[in-house]
């Protein structure tokens, strides 16, 4: 189904507010990243390697690491300054 995507940067606080009292579907494929997000967001983020199939009115939060981790244990040294959040809003194509 053709859809329109709107993207914009989001802050950690904005992401926390957006996720409050919502059912969350995680598509984080690396356990270390899921644990990092659990810590940063103060909510349980599970690892899941499922494919995401967007639907109109979905909101997705893309998490981008600003630097590559050489090994999983390097996640312990990541700070909020090393993470970027991008808000993606899906709507029907018009």
Protein backbone atom coordinates (compact mmCIF):
# COMPACT_ATOMS: atom_id res chain seq x y z
CA UNK A 1 0.00 0.00 0.00
CA UNK A 2 1.49 3.39 -0.96
CA UNK A 3 2.01 5.62 2.07
CA UNK A 4 3.36 9.04 2.87
CA UNK A 5 6.17 9.23 5.43
CA UNK A 6 6.97 12.26 7.54
CA UNK A 7 10.22 12.19 9.49
CA UNK A 8 11.82 14.48 12.00
CA UNK A 9 14.37 14.29 14.80
CA UNK A 10 13.08 13.61 18.30
CA UNK A 11 14.60 14.15 21.72
CA UNK A 12 14.91 11.49 24.41
CA UNK A 13 12.27 13.25 26.52
CA UNK A 14 9.88 13.44 23.57
CA UNK A 15 10.33 9.73 22.87
CA UNK A 16 9.68 8.90 26.54
CA UNK A 17 6.46 10.94 26.50
CA UNK A 18 5.36 9.39 23.22
CA UNK A 19 5.82 5.86 24.56
CA UNK A 20 4.03 6.44 27.87
CA UNK A 21 0.98 4.21 28.28
CA UNK A 22 1.27 2.73 24.79
CA UNK A 23 1.66 -0.79 23.59
CA UNK A 24 5.15 -1.02 22.13
CA UNK A 25 6.22 -3.34 19.34
CA UNK A 26 9.98 -3.64 19.23
CA UNK A 27 11.91 -4.39 16.07
CA UNK A 28 15.34 -3.98 17.67
CA UNK A 29 17.42 -6.84 16.32
CA UNK A 30 20.39 -6.65 18.68
CA UNK A 31 20.09 -7.57 22.34
CA UNK A 32 22.70 -5.05 23.49
CA UNK A 33 20.81 -2.22 21.75
CA UNK A 34 17.51 -3.35 23.29
CA UNK A 35 19.14 -3.29 26.74
CA UNK A 36 20.59 0.16 26.09
CA UNK A 37 17.17 1.49 25.10
CA UNK A 38 15.60 -0.14 28.15
CA UNK A 39 18.06 1.85 30.27
CA UNK A 40 17.70 5.15 28.37
CA UNK A 41 13.90 5.04 28.14
CA UNK A 42 13.21 3.43 31.54
CA UNK A 43 10.81 0.95 29.91
CA UNK A 44 11.29 -2.66 28.90
CA UNK A 45 12.37 -2.90 25.25
CA UNK A 46 12.61 -6.46 23.99
CA UNK A 47 14.85 -7.70 21.22
CA UNK A 48 12.87 -8.87 18.19
CA UNK A 49 14.12 -9.76 14.73
CA UNK A 50 10.67 -9.66 13.09
CA UNK A 51 10.10 -7.58 9.97
CA UNK A 52 8.16 -4.35 10.40
CA UNK A 53 5.22 -3.91 8.04
CA UNK A 54 4.01 -0.31 8.42
CA UNK A 55 0.33 0.62 8.34
CA UNK A 56 -1.30 4.03 7.96
CA UNK A 57 -1.38 5.99 11.24
CA UNK A 58 1.61 4.06 12.61
CA UNK A 59 4.31 5.96 14.41
CA UNK A 60 7.79 4.46 14.40
CA UNK A 61 10.84 5.58 16.29
CA UNK A 62 14.06 4.90 14.48
CA UNK A 63 17.09 4.64 16.72
CA UNK A 64 20.41 5.33 15.06
CA UNK A 65 23.74 4.77 16.72
CA UNK A 66 26.09 7.61 15.78
CA UNK A 67 29.09 5.32 16.04
CA UNK A 68 29.66 1.68 15.25
CA UNK A 69 30.22 -0.72 18.11
CA UNK A 70 33.05 -3.13 17.47
CA UNK A 71 31.74 -5.70 19.95
CA UNK A 72 28.45 -6.05 21.89
CA UNK A 73 30.04 -5.17 25.24
CA UNK A 74 30.96 -1.72 23.84
CA UNK A 75 27.33 -0.73 24.45
CA UNK A 76 28.32 -0.13 28.09
CA UNK A 77 30.25 2.95 26.94
CA UNK A 78 27.39 4.49 24.93
CA UNK A 79 25.82 7.72 26.17
CA UNK A 80 22.72 9.57 25.03
CA UNK A 81 25.04 11.72 22.88
CA UNK A 82 25.82 8.60 20.82
CA UNK A 83 22.16 7.91 19.98
CA UNK A 84 19.82 9.70 17.59
CA UNK A 85 16.02 9.29 17.55
CA UNK A 86 14.00 9.85 14.39
CA UNK A 87 10.21 9.96 14.51
CA UNK A 88 8.46 8.46 11.46
CA UNK A 89 4.75 9.04 10.91
CA UNK A 90 2.95 6.93 8.29
CA UNK A 91 -0.21 8.03 6.53
CA UNK A 92 -2.15 7.01 3.45
CA UNK A 93 -0.73 8.31 0.21
CA UNK A 94 -2.76 11.19 -1.18
